[in-house]
Amino acid sequence: MAQSSAPAFLGATLQEGCSPMSDNDIDPVSPRMAPKRKIPEVGGRPLKPSTLMMGHGFDPTLSEGSLKAPIFLTSTFAFPSAADGKRHFEGITGKRPGGADGLVYSRFNAPNQEILEDRLAVWDGAEEALSFSSGMTAIAVLLLAACKAGDVIVHSGPLYAASEGFIAKTLAKYGVTFIDFPAGASREQLDEVMVRAKAMAEEQGGEVPMIYLESPGNPTNALVDIEAVKEARDAHFDPDQCSIAIDNTFLGPLWQRPLDHGADLVVYSLTKYVGGHSDLVAGSVSGKKRFIDAIRMLRNTMGGICDPNTAWMLCRSLETVELRMQRAGENAEKVCDFLAKHPKVEGLGYLGMIKDARQQDIYDRHCMGAGSTFSLLLKGGEAECFRFLDALKIAKLAVSLGGTETLASHPASMTHLSVAEGRRAELGISDNLVRISIGIEDADDLIADFEQALEAV
C-alpha cells in the first residue's frame, strides 16, 4: 500500500458547539463532526481501555445529556447555511485546503461509527480505526486499497478460507498474484519468500504492497512471528510502501497487540469477541494513519461502513469485552485440561498447551493469553467428529466464535470445505479436527457436556 498525500475530502475543522481544543488536537484529514480527543489522564496516569470504553469519544452535552450515545439513524447531515455547504464541498473537491468540514453523508461516517472507531483504536494503540459491515468487507477493502495489477501479496497460512479465496481467486481476476509461507516460518524462510515475491513482482511489472498475516491461524491456532516478518519486510522493502496487516480476530483485542510487535494494520471480525453475543456482523481495520487514509477513501466510495445500530451495539459490547474474554479464557483452560487427558483425544491446538518450541517462543513474545478458541483432534476421522458434534447438548453446532455461548464446528467439511483437499492437508486442517470456541457458561457444565459427547465417539 503506497503512501500517498491525504485526499482533500478527508479533513475536518472544529465545529460550533464543540468543546474548544488547541490546533495540535485537531486532526486535519479525518471526516469527523468533532476533533478526535486525546486519551485522558487522571493524576498523570493514562486511563486503561476497560475504563475508556464507558465514555471515550462521546460528549453527553451534545446529545441532550444522554448518558449513553443515541443511535443516529440518519442518511445525511444538514448544513447550517448554504455558505457552509459550499465550504464543505470546496474542501471535498480540493478547491480549498483543509478538507471537509464535519459530517455530510452516512456512507462516509456518522456519530455512532466515530465513537466506535475511537474506542477500537484505544484497544490496539492505533492512530486510527475504521468500521465495516463485516470482517470480510474489512479484509476485501483493505486488500483492494493496497493492490493494483501486477502486484504480489505475501501471506501466511493458514488463513480463513474466505480470506484465502479472495486473494487466490478474486484478486487474481485483476492481475494480482500471491506467495504464501507457513505460519511458523523462520527469519531465513521469510527472507527467501520476500526474495521470490520481489522477483515475481518485477517480472509482472508490479510491487509487493502488503504482507498479510493471520495469527493465530484459523482453525489450527498456528502463530506467526510478527517481529521476524517486520525484520524481513524492512530488509527487502520500503516500510512506507509495503504494509504488514494481520487478522487478530482469535486473540484480539485483549490477548495480543500486533501493532506493538511491528504490524502496521490490524483487522478484525468484530462479529466475534468484540461483538461477543452472536447477534451482529461487523469488521474493522485499525493502525497507522498513512495506510488507513487510503482504506478510508475506498470505503467511502464502496459504502462498506458499519451501520449506526450495529456500531451502537458494538459500543455496548466493548464495555464488557474484557470481562467476557477473561471468563471464556479461564473456561477454556479448564476444559482443555480435561480434554488433554481423555483417551479419545489425539491432541489439542490450544495456545496454553503448545508443544513446538518455535511456536512457544512466538507465544511468549507476542501473546498475553491463550484465548478461548482451539482445535480438538479426535482419534479417528470425519465419522468420529460427526458423532461427537451430534452428541453435544450445551455446545451448539455452528460456525463463528467468540460469543457468550460455546460453539463447535468441523472445518474440513464446513468453513474450509472450499479449500482443496491437498491444501487442507498441507495446512493441518484434517478430517479429525473440530474447532471449539468456549463461551462463558459454567466450566464444569461444559466439561460434563464434552465428556458425554466423547462417549459417542
Protein backbone atom coordinates (compact mmCIF):
# COMPACT_ATOMS: atom_id res chain seq x y z
CA MET A 1 0.00 0.00 0.00
CA ALA A 2 1.84 3.05 -1.21
CA GLN A 3 1.91 6.17 0.90
CA SER A 4 0.06 9.00 -0.79
CA SER A 5 -0.90 12.54 0.04
CA ALA A 6 -4.12 12.74 2.04
CA PRO A 7 -7.19 13.26 -0.19
CA ALA A 8 -8.92 16.58 0.20
CA PHE A 9 -12.19 15.14 1.42
CA LEU A 10 -10.60 13.50 4.45
CA GLY A 11 -10.33 16.65 6.52
CA ALA A 12 -12.21 18.29 9.41
CA THR A 13 -12.35 21.52 11.35
CA LEU A 14 -13.60 22.38 14.80
CA GLN A 15 -17.39 22.67 14.77
CA GLU A 16 -19.52 25.28 16.52
CA GLY A 17 -20.82 23.89 19.78
CA CYS A 18 -17.89 21.53 20.38
CA SER A 19 -15.50 21.93 23.28
CA PRO A 20 -12.58 24.25 22.43
CA MET A 21 -9.31 22.47 21.68
CA SER A 22 -5.88 23.57 20.63
CA ASP A 23 -4.78 23.36 16.99
CA ASN A 24 -2.49 20.47 17.93
CA ASP A 25 -5.52 18.42 18.96
CA ILE A 26 -7.28 18.79 15.60
CA ASP A 27 -6.84 16.06 13.02
CA PRO A 28 -6.89 17.83 9.64
CA VAL A 29 -7.55 14.77 7.47
CA SER A 30 -10.38 12.89 9.12
CA PRO A 31 -14.10 13.36 8.26
CA ARG A 32 -15.34 13.97 11.79
CA MET A 33 -18.01 16.13 13.37
CA ALA A 34 -15.59 16.99 16.16
CA PRO A 35 -11.82 16.59 16.51
CA LYS A 36 -10.54 13.31 17.88
CA ARG A 37 -9.73 13.66 21.57
CA LYS A 38 -6.54 12.54 23.24
CA ILE A 39 -6.55 9.70 25.76
CA PRO A 40 -7.42 11.34 29.10
CA GLU A 41 -5.25 11.05 32.18
CA VAL A 42 -6.05 11.11 35.88
CA GLY A 43 -3.20 12.20 38.14
CA GLY A 44 -0.76 11.74 35.26
CA ARG A 45 -1.97 8.17 34.70
CA PRO A 46 -3.35 7.35 31.21
CA LEU A 47 -6.65 5.56 31.60
CA LYS A 48 -6.88 1.88 30.67
CA PRO A 49 -9.05 0.66 27.76
CA SER A 50 -11.57 -1.01 30.09
CA THR A 51 -12.20 2.40 31.69
CA LEU A 52 -12.28 4.33 28.43
CA MET A 53 -14.95 2.03 26.99
CA MET A 54 -17.50 3.66 29.29
CA GLY A 55 -17.43 7.06 27.65
CA HIS A 56 -14.46 7.78 25.37
CA GLY A 57 -15.38 9.62 22.18
CA PHE A 58 -18.85 10.69 23.35
CA ASP A 59 -19.85 14.03 24.88
CA PRO A 60 -23.27 13.83 26.61
CA THR A 61 -23.69 17.62 26.42
CA LEU A 62 -24.02 17.33 22.63
CA SER A 63 -26.90 14.82 22.96
CA GLU A 64 -29.29 16.34 25.50
CA GLY A 65 -27.20 14.97 28.38
CA SER A 66 -27.84 11.34 27.44
CA LEU A 67 -25.53 9.06 29.44
CA LYS A 68 -25.26 6.67 26.50
CA ALA A 69 -24.91 7.74 22.90
CA PRO A 70 -28.19 7.76 20.97
CA ILE A 71 -28.46 5.80 17.74
CA PHE A 72 -28.15 8.35 14.94
CA LEU A 73 -30.42 6.91 12.25
CA THR A 74 -29.83 9.45 9.52
CA SER A 75 -28.56 9.15 5.98
CA THR A 76 -27.43 12.75 5.65
CA PHE A 77 -26.46 15.77 7.76
CA ALA A 78 -27.86 19.31 7.50
CA PHE A 79 -25.63 22.29 6.79
CA PRO A 80 -26.17 25.45 8.90
CA SER A 81 -26.18 27.60 5.74
CA ALA A 82 -25.60 27.48 2.01
CA ALA A 83 -22.19 29.05 2.58
CA ASP A 84 -21.27 26.20 4.93
CA GLY A 85 -22.35 23.71 2.28
CA LYS A 86 -20.21 25.42 -0.31
CA ARG A 87 -17.22 25.47 2.03
CA HIS A 88 -17.63 21.76 2.74
CA PHE A 89 -17.65 20.79 -0.93
CA GLU A 90 -14.78 23.13 -1.69
CA GLY A 91 -12.85 21.03 0.81
CA ILE A 92 -14.02 17.76 -0.72
CA THR A 93 -13.08 18.78 -4.27
CA GLY A 94 -9.73 20.24 -3.28
CA LYS A 95 -10.60 23.81 -4.24
CA ARG A 96 -9.87 24.79 -0.64
CA PRO A 97 -7.14 23.33 1.57
CA GLY A 98 -8.14 21.74 4.85
CA GLY A 99 -10.58 19.13 3.66
CA ALA A 100 -14.20 18.57 4.66
CA ASP A 101 -15.97 20.36 7.49
CA GLY A 102 -17.60 17.69 9.63
CA LEU A 103 -20.14 15.09 8.56
CA VAL A 104 -22.11 15.15 5.33
CA TYR A 105 -23.32 11.63 4.48
CA SER A 106 -23.51 8.35 6.38
CA ARG A 107 -21.72 6.36 3.70
CA PHE A 108 -18.58 8.19 4.80
CA ASN A 109 -19.03 8.39 8.57
CA ALA A 110 -21.57 9.16 11.28
CA PRO A 111 -21.57 9.79 15.05
CA ASN A 112 -22.05 6.18 16.22
CA GLN A 113 -19.28 4.99 13.93
CA GLU A 114 -16.95 7.75 15.13
CA ILE A 115 -17.43 6.73 18.74
CA LEU A 116 -16.91 3.06 17.91
CA GLU A 117 -13.78 3.73 15.88
CA ASP A 118 -12.27 5.88 18.61
CA ARG A 119 -12.75 3.07 21.13
CA LEU A 120 -11.44 0.36 18.80
CA ALA A 121 -8.26 2.38 18.26
CA VAL A 122 -7.76 2.52 22.04
CA TRP A 123 -7.50 -1.27 22.39
CA ASP A 124 -4.83 -1.69 19.72
CA GLY A 125 -2.92 1.52 20.45
CA ALA A 126 -3.71 2.59 16.87
CA GLU A 127 -3.63 6.04 15.33
CA GLU A 128 -6.93 5.45 13.53
CA ALA A 129 -9.63 2.80 13.14
CA LEU A 130 -12.33 2.16 10.54
CA SER A 131 -15.51 0.13 10.97
CA PHE A 132 -17.05 -2.09 8.28
CA SER A 133 -20.23 -4.02 7.65
CA SER A 134 -18.43 -7.36 8.13
CA GLY A 135 -14.98 -8.78 8.74
CA MET A 136 -14.70 -9.87 5.11
CA THR A 137 -15.70 -6.40 3.92
CA ALA A 138 -12.85 -5.02 6.03
CA ILE A 139 -10.41 -7.56 4.58
CA ALA A 140 -11.59 -7.06 0.99
CA VAL A 141 -11.37 -3.26 1.14
CA LEU A 142 -8.00 -3.48 2.93
CA LEU A 143 -6.56 -5.62 0.13
CA LEU A 144 -8.21 -3.75 -2.73
CA ALA A 145 -6.90 -0.44 -1.40
CA ALA A 146 -3.37 -1.85 -1.42
CA CYS A 147 -3.22 -3.60 -4.78
CA LYS A 148 -3.02 -2.90 -8.47
CA ALA A 149 -2.49 -5.18 -11.48
CA GLY A 150 0.88 -6.91 -11.41
CA ASP A 151 1.28 -6.71 -7.63
CA VAL A 152 2.14 -9.66 -5.39
CA ILE A 153 0.60 -10.26 -1.96
CA VAL A 154 2.69 -12.24 0.54
CA HIS A 155 0.57 -14.02 3.13
CA SER A 156 0.83 -16.55 5.93
CA GLY A 157 -1.03 -19.83 6.02
CA PRO A 158 -3.50 -20.99 7.08
CA LEU A 159 -5.94 -18.16 6.50
CA TYR A 160 -9.67 -18.10 6.97
CA ALA A 161 -11.00 -19.79 3.83
CA ALA A 162 -12.83 -16.69 2.56
CA SER A 163 -9.68 -14.58 3.00
CA GLU A 164 -7.54 -17.09 1.13
CA GLY A 165 -10.18 -17.41 -1.57
CA PHE A 166 -10.41 -13.65 -2.04
CA ILE A 167 -6.66 -13.40 -2.54
CA ALA A 168 -6.29 -16.51 -4.71
CA LYS A 169 -9.44 -16.16 -6.83
CA THR A 170 -10.95 -12.67 -6.76
CA LEU A 171 -7.74 -10.63 -6.81
CA ALA A 172 -6.35 -12.99 -9.47
CA LYS A 173 -9.02 -11.69 -11.86
CA TYR A 174 -7.37 -8.28 -11.66
CA GLY A 175 -3.79 -9.43 -12.16
CA VAL A 176 -2.76 -9.72 -8.52
CA THR A 177 -0.83 -12.86 -7.53
CA PHE A 178 0.39 -14.19 -4.19
CA ILE A 179 3.10 -16.17 -2.41
CA ASP A 180 2.37 -17.77 0.95
CA PHE A 181 4.50 -19.14 3.79
CA PRO A 182 3.76 -21.39 6.79
CA ALA A 183 2.71 -19.60 9.98
CA GLY A 184 5.79 -20.67 11.94
CA ALA A 185 8.30 -19.67 9.26
CA SER A 186 11.77 -18.66 10.49
CA ARG A 187 13.56 -15.45 9.52
CA GLU A 188 15.57 -17.39 6.93
CA GLN A 189 12.41 -18.80 5.36
CA LEU A 190 10.81 -15.37 5.35
CA ASP A 191 13.83 -13.84 3.61
CA GLU A 192 13.57 -16.48 0.89
CA VAL A 193 9.85 -15.73 0.41
CA MET A 194 10.49 -11.98 0.19
CA VAL A 195 13.16 -12.51 -2.50
CA ARG A 196 10.78 -14.67 -4.52
CA ALA A 197 7.94 -12.18 -4.13
CA LYS A 198 10.11 -9.26 -5.25
CA ALA A 199 11.29 -11.17 -8.31
CA MET A 200 7.72 -12.16 -9.22
CA ALA A 201 6.50 -8.57 -8.84
CA GLU A 202 9.30 -7.19 -11.01
CA GLU A 203 8.53 -9.78 -13.69
CA GLN A 204 4.86 -8.77 -13.64
CA GLY A 205 5.59 -5.04 -13.60
CA GLY A 206 4.18 -4.62 -10.12
CA GLU A 207 5.21 -4.30 -6.49
CA VAL A 208 4.76 -6.07 -3.17
CA PRO A 209 2.34 -3.68 -1.41
CA MET A 210 1.32 -5.84 1.55
CA ILE A 211 2.28 -8.78 3.74
CA TYR A 212 -0.97 -10.20 5.10
CA LEU A 213 -0.92 -12.34 8.24
CA GLU A 214 -3.43 -14.28 10.27
CA SER A 215 -2.22 -15.15 13.74
CA PRO A 216 -3.42 -17.34 15.30
CA GLY A 217 -4.40 -19.04 12.07
CA ASN A 218 -7.92 -20.36 11.58
CA PRO A 219 -8.58 -23.11 12.64
CA THR A 220 -5.23 -24.54 13.77
CA ASN A 221 -4.12 -21.71 16.10
CA ALA A 222 -0.72 -21.58 14.36
CA LEU A 223 1.17 -18.41 15.32
CA VAL A 224 3.15 -16.08 13.06
CA ASP A 225 6.32 -14.35 14.27
CA ILE A 226 5.29 -10.75 13.60
CA GLU A 227 8.67 -9.38 14.67
CA ALA A 228 10.51 -11.66 12.24
CA VAL A 229 8.12 -10.67 9.45
CA LYS A 230 8.80 -7.00 10.14
CA GLU A 231 12.56 -7.57 10.10
CA ALA A 232 12.31 -9.43 6.78
CA ARG A 233 10.00 -6.77 5.32
CA ASP A 234 12.34 -3.97 6.36
CA ALA A 235 15.32 -5.80 4.86
CA HIS A 236 13.70 -6.22 1.43
CA PHE A 237 11.06 -3.49 1.01
CA ASP A 238 10.34 0.13 1.87
CA PRO A 239 8.16 0.06 5.03
CA ASP A 240 6.27 3.11 3.74
CA GLN A 241 5.32 1.24 0.57
CA CYS A 242 4.78 -2.31 1.88
CA SER A 243 2.49 -2.61 4.90
CA ILE A 244 2.10 -5.54 7.31
CA ALA A 245 -1.55 -6.30 8.05
CA ILE A 246 -2.77 -9.00 10.43
CA ASP A 247 -6.08 -10.64 11.21
CA ASN A 248 -6.09 -10.63 15.02
CA THR A 249 -9.64 -11.95 15.47
CA PHE A 250 -8.73 -15.04 17.53
CA LEU A 251 -6.84 -13.13 20.25
CA GLY A 252 -7.81 -9.50 19.95
CA PRO A 253 -8.25 -7.09 21.36
CA LEU A 254 -7.31 -8.50 24.77
CA TRP A 255 -4.67 -11.20 24.31
CA GLN A 256 -2.46 -9.81 21.50
CA ARG A 257 -1.44 -6.32 20.35
CA PRO A 258 0.19 -6.78 16.93
CA LEU A 259 0.98 -3.09 16.42
CA ASP A 260 3.38 -3.33 19.36
CA HIS A 261 5.35 -6.03 17.52
CA GLY A 262 5.71 -4.47 14.09
CA ALA A 263 2.37 -4.74 12.28
CA ASP A 264 1.04 -1.60 10.57
CA LEU A 265 -2.62 -2.62 10.38
CA VAL A 266 -4.88 -4.92 12.41
CA VAL A 267 -8.09 -6.36 11.00
CA TYR A 268 -10.95 -7.90 12.99
CA SER A 269 -14.17 -9.69 12.52
CA LEU A 270 -15.98 -7.68 15.20
CA THR A 271 -18.69 -10.32 14.93
CA LYS A 272 -16.56 -12.47 17.20
CA TYR A 273 -15.12 -11.42 20.59
CA VAL A 274 -15.76 -7.69 20.30
CA GLY A 275 -19.43 -8.11 19.45
CA GLY A 276 -19.42 -11.17 21.62
CA HIS A 277 -23.13 -12.02 21.72
CA SER A 278 -23.65 -13.69 18.30
CA ASP A 279 -26.19 -11.02 17.38
CA LEU A 280 -24.33 -8.80 14.90
CA VAL A 281 -21.93 -8.87 11.94
CA ALA A 282 -19.19 -6.25 11.55
CA GLY A 283 -15.47 -5.74 10.96
CA SER A 284 -12.71 -3.20 11.45
CA VAL A 285 -9.22 -2.14 10.43
CA SER A 286 -7.01 -0.12 12.76
CA GLY A 287 -3.42 1.05 12.59
CA LYS A 288 -1.16 3.67 11.10
CA LYS A 289 -2.89 6.70 9.67
CA ARG A 290 -0.88 6.83 6.45
CA PHE A 291 -2.29 3.44 5.47
CA ILE A 292 -5.73 3.96 6.98
CA ASP A 293 -6.34 7.05 4.83
CA ALA A 294 -6.16 5.04 1.58
CA ILE A 295 -8.50 2.39 3.01
CA ARG A 296 -10.92 5.13 4.11
CA MET A 297 -11.02 6.54 0.58
CA LEU A 298 -12.09 3.22 -0.88
CA ARG A 299 -14.58 2.56 1.92
CA ASN A 300 -16.13 5.97 1.27
CA THR A 301 -16.59 5.04 -2.38
CA MET A 302 -17.82 1.48 -1.87
CA GLY A 303 -20.01 2.17 1.15
CA GLY A 304 -18.95 -0.76 3.32
CA ILE A 305 -19.19 1.15 6.60
CA CYS A 306 -20.81 -0.40 9.67
CA ASP A 307 -24.41 0.78 10.14
CA PRO A 308 -25.27 3.01 13.14
CA ASN A 309 -27.35 0.43 15.01
CA THR A 310 -24.56 -2.16 14.81
CA ALA A 311 -22.00 0.48 15.82
CA TRP A 312 -24.13 1.29 18.88
CA MET A 313 -24.35 -2.41 19.79
CA LEU A 314 -20.58 -2.77 19.45
CA CYS A 315 -20.01 0.16 21.80
CA ARG A 316 -22.27 -1.64 24.27
CA SER A 317 -20.27 -4.84 23.83
CA LEU A 318 -16.92 -3.10 24.25
CA GLU A 319 -17.91 -2.19 27.80
CA THR A 320 -17.78 -5.88 28.77
CA VAL A 321 -15.27 -7.32 26.28
CA GLU A 322 -12.52 -7.68 28.89
CA LEU A 323 -14.81 -9.45 31.37
CA ARG A 324 -16.22 -11.79 28.74
CA MET A 325 -12.87 -12.71 27.24
CA GLN A 326 -11.31 -13.30 30.66
CA ARG A 327 -14.14 -15.63 31.70
CA ALA A 328 -14.05 -17.50 28.39
CA GLY A 329 -10.27 -17.85 28.63
CA GLU A 330 -10.49 -19.27 32.15
CA ASN A 331 -13.16 -21.73 30.99
CA ALA A 332 -11.05 -22.83 28.02
CA GLU A 333 -8.08 -23.56 30.27
CA LYS A 334 -10.21 -25.84 32.46
CA VAL A 335 -11.87 -27.57 29.52
CA CYS A 336 -8.57 -28.17 27.72
CA ASP A 337 -7.02 -29.58 30.88
CA PHE A 338 -9.81 -32.18 30.87
CA LEU A 339 -9.67 -32.89 27.13
CA ALA A 340 -5.89 -33.31 27.06
CA LYS A 341 -6.19 -36.29 29.39
CA HIS A 342 -9.06 -38.02 27.61
CA PRO A 343 -8.17 -41.33 25.86
CA LYS A 344 -10.21 -40.47 22.74
CA VAL A 345 -8.39 -37.17 22.19
CA GLU A 346 -5.35 -37.29 19.91
CA GLY A 347 -4.24 -33.71 20.51
CA LEU A 348 -5.19 -30.08 21.07
CA GLY A 349 -4.38 -26.95 19.13
CA TYR A 350 -4.62 -24.81 22.27
CA LEU A 351 -2.18 -21.99 22.89
CA GLY A 352 -1.98 -22.85 26.56
CA MET A 353 -0.52 -26.26 25.70
CA ILE A 354 1.99 -25.63 22.92
CA LYS A 355 4.46 -28.46 22.31
CA ASP A 356 6.51 -26.90 19.49
CA ALA A 357 9.46 -24.82 20.74
CA ARG A 358 9.25 -22.32 17.87
CA GLN A 359 5.54 -21.72 18.46
CA GLN A 360 6.10 -21.38 22.21
CA ASP A 361 8.76 -18.75 21.61
CA ILE A 362 6.36 -16.72 19.44
CA TYR A 363 3.62 -17.09 22.04
CA ASP A 364 5.88 -15.91 24.87
CA ARG A 365 6.88 -12.78 22.94
CA HIS A 366 3.57 -11.85 21.32
CA CYS A 367 0.65 -13.14 23.38
CA MET A 368 -0.84 -12.16 26.71
CA GLY A 369 -3.27 -15.07 26.93
CA ALA A 370 -4.12 -18.38 25.31
CA GLY A 371 -7.57 -17.38 24.13
CA SER A 372 -10.71 -19.50 24.20
CA THR A 373 -10.86 -20.90 20.66
CA PHE A 374 -8.90 -24.06 19.93
CA SER A 375 -8.80 -27.15 17.74
CA LEU A 376 -9.63 -30.58 19.14
CA LEU A 377 -8.08 -33.56 17.34
CA LEU A 378 -10.06 -36.74 17.91
CA LYS A 379 -8.80 -40.25 17.36
CA GLY A 380 -10.46 -41.21 14.09
CA GLY A 381 -11.78 -39.06 11.29
CA GLU A 382 -14.90 -37.38 9.99
CA ALA A 383 -17.30 -40.04 11.29
CA GLU A 384 -15.95 -39.77 14.84
CA CYS A 385 -16.11 -35.97 14.70
CA PHE A 386 -19.70 -36.05 13.49
CA ARG A 387 -20.75 -38.39 16.30
CA PHE A 388 -19.07 -36.08 18.83
CA LEU A 389 -20.71 -32.96 17.40
CA ASP A 390 -24.16 -34.54 17.18
CA ALA A 391 -23.97 -35.66 20.81
CA LEU A 392 -23.27 -32.21 22.26
CA LYS A 393 -26.06 -30.81 24.42
CA ILE A 394 -24.77 -27.47 25.74
CA ALA A 395 -22.33 -26.52 22.99
CA LYS A 396 -24.04 -25.55 19.72
CA LEU A 397 -23.03 -26.85 16.30
CA ALA A 398 -22.43 -23.59 14.44
CA VAL A 399 -19.74 -21.60 12.69
CA SER A 400 -18.26 -18.41 14.17
CA LEU A 401 -16.62 -17.95 17.55
CA GLY A 402 -16.09 -15.55 20.42
CA GLY A 403 -19.70 -15.40 21.61
CA THR A 404 -21.09 -15.89 25.09
CA GLU A 405 -22.08 -19.44 24.17
CA THR A 406 -19.82 -22.38 23.34
CA LEU A 407 -19.75 -23.33 19.64
CA ALA A 408 -18.25 -26.30 17.82
CA SER A 409 -17.78 -27.00 14.11
CA HIS A 410 -15.95 -29.29 11.66
CA PRO A 411 -13.79 -27.02 9.46
CA ALA A 412 -12.83 -29.64 6.86
CA SER A 413 -16.49 -30.20 5.93
CA MET A 414 -17.80 -26.72 6.74
CA THR A 415 -15.84 -23.44 6.76
CA HIS A 416 -12.84 -24.82 4.86
CA LEU A 417 -14.67 -27.20 2.51
CA SER A 418 -13.91 -24.85 -0.41
CA VAL A 419 -10.16 -25.29 0.22
CA ALA A 420 -8.67 -28.03 -1.96
CA GLU A 421 -8.13 -31.29 -0.09
CA GLY A 422 -4.38 -31.23 -0.66
CA ARG A 423 -4.17 -27.66 0.55
CA ARG A 424 -6.17 -28.55 3.68
CA ALA A 425 -3.75 -31.36 4.44
CA GLU A 426 -0.79 -29.03 3.91
CA LEU A 427 -2.29 -26.55 6.40
CA GLY A 428 -3.13 -29.18 9.02
CA ILE A 429 -6.92 -28.94 8.59
CA SER A 430 -7.55 -32.65 8.95
CA ASP A 431 -10.78 -34.67 8.96
CA ASN A 432 -10.37 -35.37 12.68
CA LEU A 433 -10.18 -31.69 13.65
CA VAL A 434 -13.04 -29.99 15.50
CA ARG A 435 -12.87 -26.26 16.19
CA ILE A 436 -14.28 -25.23 19.55
CA SER A 437 -15.00 -21.72 20.82
CA ILE A 438 -15.58 -21.73 24.57
CA GLY A 439 -18.18 -19.36 25.99
CA ILE A 440 -18.92 -18.02 29.45
CA GLU A 441 -21.07 -20.87 30.75
CA ASP A 442 -20.10 -22.79 33.89
CA ALA A 443 -16.85 -24.63 33.16
CA ASP A 444 -17.87 -27.83 34.95
CA ASP A 445 -21.08 -27.98 32.91
CA LEU A 446 -19.06 -27.68 29.71
CA ILE A 447 -16.70 -30.43 30.82
CA ALA A 448 -19.67 -32.69 31.56
CA ASP A 449 -21.05 -31.98 28.08
CA PHE A 450 -17.77 -32.80 26.34
CA GLU A 451 -17.34 -35.92 28.46
CA GLN A 452 -20.73 -37.35 27.50
CA ALA A 453 -20.22 -36.38 23.83
CA LEU A 454 -16.88 -38.19 23.74
CA GLU A 455 -18.65 -41.35 24.86
CA ALA A 456 -20.38 -41.36 21.48
CA VAL A 457 -17.06 -41.38 19.60
